[in-house]
C-alpha atoms as a PDB file:
ATOM      1  CA  MET A   1       0.096   0.146  -0.065  1.00  0.00           C
ATOM      2  CA  LEU A   2       0.995   3.669  -0.553  1.00  0.00           C
ATOM      3  CA  LEU A   3       1.538   6.083   1.716  1.00  0.00           C
ATOM      4  CA  ILE A   4      -0.686   8.489   0.215  1.00  0.00           C
ATOM      5  CA  GLU A   5      -3.277   5.279  -0.028  1.00  0.00           C
ATOM      6  CA  LEU A   6      -2.889   4.780   3.761  1.00  0.00           C
ATOM      7  CA  ILE A   7      -3.383   8.234   4.368  1.00  0.00           C
ATOM      8  CA  LYS A   8      -6.582   8.584   2.379  1.00  0.00           C
ATOM      9  CA  LYS A   9      -7.322   5.118   4.216  1.00  0.00           C
ATOM     10  CA  VAL A  10      -7.110   6.229   8.009  1.00  0.00           C
ATOM     11  CA  SER A  11      -9.209   8.747  10.034  1.00  0.00           C
ATOM     12  CA  PHE A  12      -7.238  12.100  11.602  1.00  0.00           C
ATOM     13  CA  ASP A  13      -9.289  10.991  14.868  1.00  0.00           C
ATOM     14  CA  GLU A  14      -7.775   7.823  15.031  1.00  0.00           C
ATOM     15  CA  VAL A  15      -4.057   9.103  14.232  1.00  0.00           C
ATOM     16  CA  TRP A  16      -4.433  11.657  16.689  1.00  0.00           C
ATOM     17  CA  GLU A  17      -5.615   9.602  19.789  1.00  0.00           C
ATOM     18  CA  ILE A  18      -1.824   7.668  18.679  1.00  0.00           C
ATOM     19  CA  LEU A  19       0.104  10.636  18.100  1.00  0.00           C
ATOM     20  CA  LYS A  20      -1.256  12.044  21.154  1.00  0.00           C
ATOM     21  CA  GLY A  21      -0.838   8.859  23.542  1.00  0.00           C
ATOM     22  CA  GLU A  22       2.517   7.405  21.869  1.00  0.00           C
ATOM     23  CA  CYS A  23       4.461  10.172  20.846  1.00  0.00           C
ATOM     24  CA  ASP A  24       3.862  12.865  23.043  1.00  0.00           C
ATOM     25  CA  VAL A  25       2.478  15.589  20.873  1.00  0.00           C
ATOM     26  CA  PRO A  26       0.788  17.960  23.221  1.00  0.00           C
ATOM     27  CA  GLU A  27      -2.711  18.922  23.020  1.00  0.00           C
ATOM     28  CA  ASN A  28      -1.890  22.570  21.455  1.00  0.00           C
ATOM     29  CA  GLY A  29       0.127  20.169  18.397  1.00  0.00           C
ATOM     30  CA  LYS A  30      -3.241  19.201  16.924  1.00  0.00           C
ATOM     31  CA  SER A  31      -4.405  21.965  14.561  1.00  0.00           C
ATOM     32  CA  ALA A  32      -0.478  21.256  13.570  1.00  0.00           C
ATOM     33  CA  TYR A  33      -1.064  17.749  12.345  1.00  0.00           C
ATOM     34  CA  ILE A  34      -4.642  18.671  10.911  1.00  0.00           C
ATOM     35  CA  GLN A  35      -2.608  21.014   8.277  1.00  0.00           C
ATOM     36  CA  VAL A  36      -0.178  18.435   7.575  1.00  0.00           C
ATOM     37  CA  PHE A  37      -2.827  15.978   7.056  1.00  0.00           C
ATOM     38  CA  ASP A  38      -4.590  17.972   4.703  1.00  0.00           C
ATOM     39  CA  GLU A  39      -1.605  19.001   2.979  1.00  0.00           C
ATOM     40  CA  LEU A  40      -0.958  15.369   2.169  1.00  0.00           C
ATOM     41  CA  ARG A  41      -4.246  14.609   1.541  1.00  0.00           C
ATOM     42  CA  ASP A  42      -3.830  17.107  -1.236  1.00  0.00           C
ATOM     43  CA  MET A  43      -0.480  15.759  -3.026  1.00  0.00           C
ATOM     44  CA  ASP A  44      -2.668  13.386  -4.547  1.00  0.00           C
ATOM     45  CA  LEU A  45      -2.887  14.703  -7.661  1.00  0.00           C
ATOM     46  CA  GLN A  46       1.403  14.922  -7.746  1.00  0.00           C
ATOM     47  CA  ALA A  47       1.356  11.309  -6.790  1.00  0.00           C
ATOM     48  CA  ASP A  48       3.712  10.531  -9.766  1.00  0.00           C
ATOM     49  CA  SER A  49       5.359  13.730  -9.474  1.00  0.00           C
ATOM     50  CA  GLY A  50       8.346  12.763  -7.176  1.00  0.00           C
ATOM     51  CA  ALA A  51      11.695  12.250  -7.799  1.00  0.00           C
ATOM     52  CA  GLU A  52      12.519   9.192  -9.742  1.00  0.00           C
ATOM     53  CA  LYS A  53      14.768   6.567  -7.756  1.00  0.00           C
ATOM     54  CA  GLU A  54      16.403   4.051  -9.470  1.00  0.00           C
ATOM     55  CA  GLU A  55      15.711   1.526  -5.893  1.00  0.00           C
ATOM     56  CA  VAL A  56      12.230   1.334  -4.766  1.00  0.00           C
ATOM     57  CA  THR A  57      11.864   2.670  -1.333  1.00  0.00           C
ATOM     58  CA  THR A  58       9.455   0.849   1.644  1.00  0.00           C
ATOM     59  CA  ILE A  59       8.718   2.472   4.700  1.00  0.00           C
ATOM     60  CA  GLY A  60       9.398   0.051   7.617  1.00  0.00           C
ATOM     61  CA  VAL A  61       7.405   0.897  10.938  1.00  0.00           C
ATOM     62  CA  CYS A  62       9.277  -0.888  13.826  1.00  0.00           C
ATOM     63  CA  GLU A  63       9.314  -1.154  18.125  1.00  0.00           C
ATOM     64  CA  PHE A  64      13.185  -2.050  18.487  1.00  0.00           C
ATOM     65  CA  GLU A  65      14.579  -2.008  22.299  1.00  0.00           C
ATOM     66  CA  ASP A  66      15.910   1.155  23.136  1.00  0.00           C
ATOM     67  CA  LEU A  67      19.766   1.359  23.120  1.00  0.00           C
ATOM     68  CA  LEU A  68      20.139   3.787  25.613  1.00  0.00           C
ATOM     69  CA  GLU A  69      17.980   1.947  27.947  1.00  0.00           C
ATOM     70  CA  PRO A  70      17.962  -2.140  27.216  1.00  0.00           C
ATOM     71  CA  GLY A  71      14.426  -3.232  28.348  1.00  0.00           C
ATOM     72  CA  ASN A  72      12.473  -0.503  27.196  1.00  0.00           C
ATOM     73  CA  PHE A  73      10.742  -0.381  23.244  1.00  0.00           C
ATOM     74  CA  VAL A  74      10.864   2.695  21.145  1.00  0.00           C
ATOM     75  CA  TYR A  75       9.330   3.115  17.505  1.00  0.00           C
ATOM     76  CA  ASP A  76      11.215   3.359  14.750  1.00  0.00           C
ATOM     77  CA  VAL A  77      10.434   4.803  11.195  1.00  0.00           C
ATOM     78  CA  PHE A  78      13.191   3.547   8.274  1.00  0.00           C
ATOM     79  CA  GLY A  79      13.570   3.212   4.509  1.00  0.00           C
ATOM     80  CA  ILE A  80      14.461  -0.003   2.874  1.00  0.00           C
ATOM     81  CA  SER A  81      15.236  -1.266  -0.331  1.00  0.00           C
ATOM     82  CA  GLN A  82      15.265  -4.478  -1.956  1.00  0.00           C
ATOM     83  CA  GLY A  83      18.861  -5.477  -2.785  1.00  0.00           C
ATOM     84  CA  ASP A  84      20.256  -3.274   0.034  1.00  0.00           C
ATOM     85  CA  SER A  85      20.260  -4.934   3.688  1.00  0.00           C
ATOM     86  CA  ASN A  86      20.444  -1.296   5.780  1.00  0.00           C
ATOM     87  CA  ARG A  87      17.714   0.819   6.541  1.00  0.00           C
ATOM     88  CA  TYR A  88      17.873   4.614   6.614  1.00  0.00           C
ATOM     89  CA  SER A  89      16.532   7.773   7.763  1.00  0.00           C
ATOM     90  CA  LEU A  90      13.581   9.154   5.830  1.00  0.00           C
ATOM     91  CA  SER A  91      13.152  12.566   8.058  1.00  0.00           C
ATOM     92  CA  LEU A  92      14.732  14.853   5.325  1.00  0.00           C
ATOM     93  CA  GLU A  93      13.087  13.268   2.275  1.00  0.00           C
ATOM     94  CA  PRO A  94      10.132  15.652   0.296  1.00  0.00           C
ATOM     95  CA  TRP A  95       7.037  14.896   1.728  1.00  0.00           C
ATOM     96  CA  SER A  96       6.265  14.252  -2.202  1.00  0.00           C
ATOM     97  CA  ASN A  97       8.559  11.102  -2.228  1.00  0.00           C
ATOM     98  CA  TRP A  98       7.017   9.924   0.922  1.00  0.00           C
ATOM     99  CA  ILE A  99       3.665   9.535  -0.654  1.00  0.00           C
ATOM    100  CA  ASN A 100       5.134   7.852  -3.842  1.00  0.00           C
ATOM    101  CA  TYR A 101       7.097   5.179  -0.874  1.00  0.00           C
ATOM    102  CA  ASN A 102       4.927   1.540  -0.080  1.00  0.00           C
ATOM    103  CA  VAL A 103       4.335   1.052   3.359  1.00  0.00           C
ATOM    104  CA  LEU A 104       5.722  -2.448   4.676  1.00  0.00           C
ATOM    105  CA  ASP A 105       2.265  -4.903   5.168  1.00  0.00           C
ATOM    106  CA  LYS A 106       4.322  -6.453   8.073  1.00  0.00           C
ATOM    107  CA  SER A 107       4.580  -3.019  10.071  1.00  0.00           C
ATOM    108  CA  ILE A 108       0.481  -2.791   9.291  1.00  0.00           C
ATOM    109  CA  GLN A 109       0.114  -6.087  10.239  1.00  0.00           C
ATOM    110  CA  ILE A 110       1.578  -6.020  13.924  1.00  0.00           C
ATOM    111  CA  TYR A 111       1.228  -2.335  14.861  1.00  0.00           C
ATOM    112  CA  GLY A 112      -2.237  -1.550  12.544  1.00  0.00           C
ATOM    113  CA  GLU A 113      -2.832   1.444  10.064  1.00  0.00           C
ATOM    114  CA  ALA A 114      -3.441   4.235  12.415  1.00  0.00           C
ATOM    115  CA  THR A 115      -0.793   3.261  14.760  1.00  0.00           C
ATOM    116  CA  VAL A 116       2.122   3.044  11.165  1.00  0.00           C
ATOM    117  CA  LEU A 117       1.094   6.173   9.967  1.00  0.00           C
ATOM    118  CA  ALA A 118       1.122   8.418  12.770  1.00  0.00           C
ATOM    119  CA  HIS A 119       4.572   7.491  13.275  1.00  0.00           C
ATOM    120  CA  ILE A 120       5.132   7.558  10.071  1.00  0.00           C
ATOM    121  CA  LEU A 121       3.578  11.688  10.074  1.00  0.00           C
ATOM    122  CA  TYR A 122       6.101  12.027  13.388  1.00  0.00           C
ATOM    123  CA  GLU A 123       8.704  11.219  11.252  1.00  0.00           C
ATOM    124  CA  MET A 124       7.729  13.006   8.756  1.00  0.00           C
ATOM    125  CA  THR A 125       7.470  16.069  10.915  1.00  0.00           C
ATOM    126  CA  PHE A 126      10.747  16.228  12.288  1.00  0.00           C
ATOM    127  CA  TYR A 127      12.127  19.126  10.857  1.00  0.00           C
ATOM    128  CA  GLY A 128       8.846  21.446  10.177  1.00  0.00           C
ATOM    129  CA  TYR A 129       5.135  20.897   9.603  1.00  0.00           C
ATOM    130  CA  SER A 130       5.142  21.818   5.936  1.00  0.00           C
ATOM    131  CA  SER A 131       6.545  19.775   3.021  1.00  0.00           C
ATOM    132  CA  GLU A 132       8.306  23.726   2.333  1.00  0.00           C
ATOM    133  CA  ASP A 133       9.625  23.429   6.292  1.00  0.00           C
ATOM    134  CA  VAL A 134      11.418  19.889   5.165  1.00  0.00           C
ATOM    135  CA  GLU A 135      12.588  20.958   1.852  1.00  0.00           C
ATOM    136  CA  GLU A 136      14.056  24.231   3.256  1.00  0.00           C
ATOM    137  CA  LYS A 137      15.862  22.135   5.949  1.00  0.00           C
ATOM    138  CA  HIS A 138      16.987  19.930   3.175  1.00  0.00           C
ATOM    139  CA  LEU A 139      18.969  22.207   1.168  1.00  0.00           C
ATOM    140  CA  GLU A 140      20.219  23.710   4.533  1.00  0.00           C
ATOM    141  CA  VAL A 141      22.134  20.462   4.993  1.00  0.00           C
ATOM    142  CA  ILE A 142      23.078  19.943   1.534  1.00  0.00           C
ATOM    143  CA  ASN A 143      24.749  23.103   1.298  1.00  0.00           C
ATOM    144  CA  ALA A 144      26.582  22.821   4.122  1.00  0.00           C
ATOM    145  CA  LEU A 145      27.883  19.106   3.581  1.00  0.00           C
ATOM    146  CA  ASN A 146      28.768  20.910   0.017  1.00  0.00           C
ATOM    147  CA  ASP A 147      31.116  23.479   1.887  1.00  0.00           C
ATOM    148  CA  SER A 148      32.355  20.952   4.366  1.00  0.00           C
ATOM    149  CA  TYR A 149      33.476  19.112   1.473  1.00  0.00           C
ATOM    150  CA  LYS A 150      34.939  21.778  -0.166  1.00  0.00           C
ATOM    151  CA  MET A 151      36.736  22.919   3.162  1.00  0.00           C
ATOM    152  CA  ILE A 152      38.292  19.355   3.051  1.00  0.00           C
ATOM    153  CA  GLU A 153      38.862  19.502  -0.604  1.00  0.00           C
ATOM    154  CA  GLU A 154      41.131  22.880  -0.366  1.00  0.00           C
ATOM    155  CA  GLY A 155      42.490  22.125   2.995  1.00  0.00           C
ATOM    156  CA  LYS A 156      40.771  24.311   5.224  1.00  0.00           C
ATOM    157  CA  SER A 157      39.225  21.727   7.905  1.00  0.00           C
ATOM    158  CA  GLU A 158      40.395  21.461  11.075  1.00  0.00           C
ATOM    159  CA  PHE A 159      40.163  18.512  13.984  1.00  0.00           C
ATOM    160  CA  ILE A 160      38.611  19.398  16.864  1.00  0.00           C
ATOM    161  CA  PRO A 161      39.657  17.598  19.824  1.00  0.00           C
ATOM    162  CA  ALA A 162      36.702  15.267  21.180  1.00  0.00           C
ATOM    163  CA  GLU A 163      37.155  16.748  24.649  1.00  0.00           C
ATOM    164  CA  ASP A 164      36.241  20.257  22.966  1.00  0.00           C
ATOM    165  CA  VAL A 165      33.113  19.022  21.267  1.00  0.00           C
ATOM    166  CA  PHE A 166      31.549  17.723  24.535  1.00  0.00           C
ATOM    167  CA  SER A 167      32.263  20.414  26.692  1.00  0.00           C
ATOM    168  CA  LYS A 168      30.725  22.735  23.957  1.00  0.00           C
ATOM    169  CA  LEU A 169      27.555  20.017  24.223  1.00  0.00           C
ATOM    170  CA  GLY A 170      27.847  20.606  28.197  1.00  0.00           C
ATOM    171  CA  PHE A 171      28.960  17.218  28.580  1.00  0.00           C
ATOM    172  CA  GLU A 172      31.772  17.165  31.167  1.00  0.00           C
ATOM    173  CA  LYS A 173      34.505  14.056  31.109  1.00  0.00           C
ATOM    174  CA  ASP A 174      33.450  11.878  34.532  1.00  0.00           C
ATOM    175  CA  GLU A 175      36.958  10.677  35.835  1.00  0.00           C
ATOM    176  CA  ALA A 176      35.342   8.150  37.847  1.00  0.00           C
ATOM    177  CA  ILE A 177      34.200   6.294  36.073  1.00  0.00           C
ATOM    178  CA  ASP A 178      33.281   2.935  37.446  1.00  0.00           C
ATOM    179  CA  LEU A 179      34.340   0.567  34.438  1.00  0.00           C
ATOM    180  CA  GLU A 180      32.403  -2.921  35.847  1.00  0.00           C
ATOM    181  CA  VAL A 181      29.721  -0.593  35.632  1.00  0.00           C
ATOM    182  CA  GLU A 182      30.749   0.835  31.613  1.00  0.00           C
ATOM    183  CA  SER A 183      31.630  -3.116  30.831  1.00  0.00           C
ATOM    184  CA  LYS A 184      27.807  -4.099  31.989  1.00  0.00           C
ATOM    185  CA  LYS A 185      26.223  -1.422  30.012  1.00  0.00           C
ATOM    186  CA  ARG A 186      28.170  -2.382  26.877  1.00  0.00           C
ATOM    187  CA  GLU A 187      27.082  -6.314  27.311  1.00  0.00           C
ATOM    188  CA  GLU A 188      23.785  -4.814  27.903  1.00  0.00           C
ATOM    189  CA  THR A 189      23.905  -2.629  24.731  1.00  0.00           C
ATOM    190  CA  LYS A 190      25.436  -5.907  22.616  1.00  0.00           C
ATOM    191  CA  ALA A 191      22.482  -7.505  23.611  1.00  0.00           C
ATOM    192  CA  ALA A 192      20.038  -5.074  22.886  1.00  0.00           C
ATOM    193  CA  ILE A 193      21.325  -4.883  19.285  1.00  0.00           C
ATOM    194  CA  ASN A 194      21.429  -8.394  19.042  1.00  0.00           C
ATOM    195  CA  ARG A 195      18.037  -8.808  19.434  1.00  0.00           C
ATOM    196  CA  ASN A 196      16.732  -5.751  17.189  1.00  0.00           C
ATOM    197  CA  GLU A 197      18.395  -7.675  14.717  1.00  0.00           C
ATOM    198  CA  VAL A 198      16.447 -10.512  14.800  1.00  0.00           C
ATOM    199  CA  ILE A 199      13.756  -8.495  15.161  1.00  0.00           C
ATOM    200  CA  PHE A 200      14.188  -6.624  12.124  1.00  0.00           C
ATOM    201  CA  LYS A 201      14.541  -9.582  10.034  1.00  0.00           C
ATOM    202  CA  GLU A 202      11.740 -11.221  11.077  1.00  0.00           C
ATOM    203  CA  LEU A 203       9.829  -7.855  10.285  1.00  0.00           C
ATOM    204  CA  ILE A 204      11.323  -7.926   6.499  1.00  0.00           C
ATOM    205  CA  SER A 205      11.606 -11.594   6.078  1.00  0.00           C
ATOM    206  CA  ASP A 206       8.106 -11.671   3.573  1.00  0.00           C
ATOM    207  CA  TRP A 207       9.087  -8.352   2.070  1.00  0.00           C
ATOM    208  CA  LEU A 208      12.463 -10.370   1.043  1.00  0.00           C
ATOM    209  CA  LYS A 209      10.451 -13.247  -0.378  1.00  0.00           C
ATOM    210  CA  GLU A 210       8.289 -11.208  -2.675  1.00  0.00           C
ATOM    211  CA  GLY A 211      11.737  -9.248  -3.791  1.00  0.00           C
ATOM    212  CA  ASP A 212      12.894 -12.868  -4.933  1.00  0.00           C
ATOM    213  CA  GLN A 213       9.681 -13.476  -6.786  1.00  0.00           C
END
């Protein structure tokens, strides 16, 4: 099912209840998401105008174990393509591309249409509540990357010590590190990564079989 088809099928009220309950969207955010919902529905006539892609992108939604807090689970929204074992962020994708993407059937089967759509919309609005806001941010990031690449090529870039970066971000180095506690945390994180990999493989198993046909 294409994302635009899912948007047309599910009511806003259903999606809004999920956004409030699972995505921590405040009550006063309702008008912003109504605007998002309306804009996306009106983009139906532009469904064939998205950028051409060599690979067909599918949107996956899944509950993964939180690597920062193993044992707790958080939703993740990502893009996958046949022949590529990685999953990718779609937050900076133009909305005109999003609506052309398929939504993973298994995600809908497991979590339901309203939940899947709510988390997709939450991801889509990470950088703003309109397609124009997202495209401006996309351009800003591309320009910043191009500027950085140019500085590297011209030999104008410089290395910044990690300690300086952490200090600017407000993270001060803790000299009293309990090595045993840190080792246990690393083991818990590694175990969570392995469990998430099992979850991911199970989620996309049917989709991979479809690609082999």
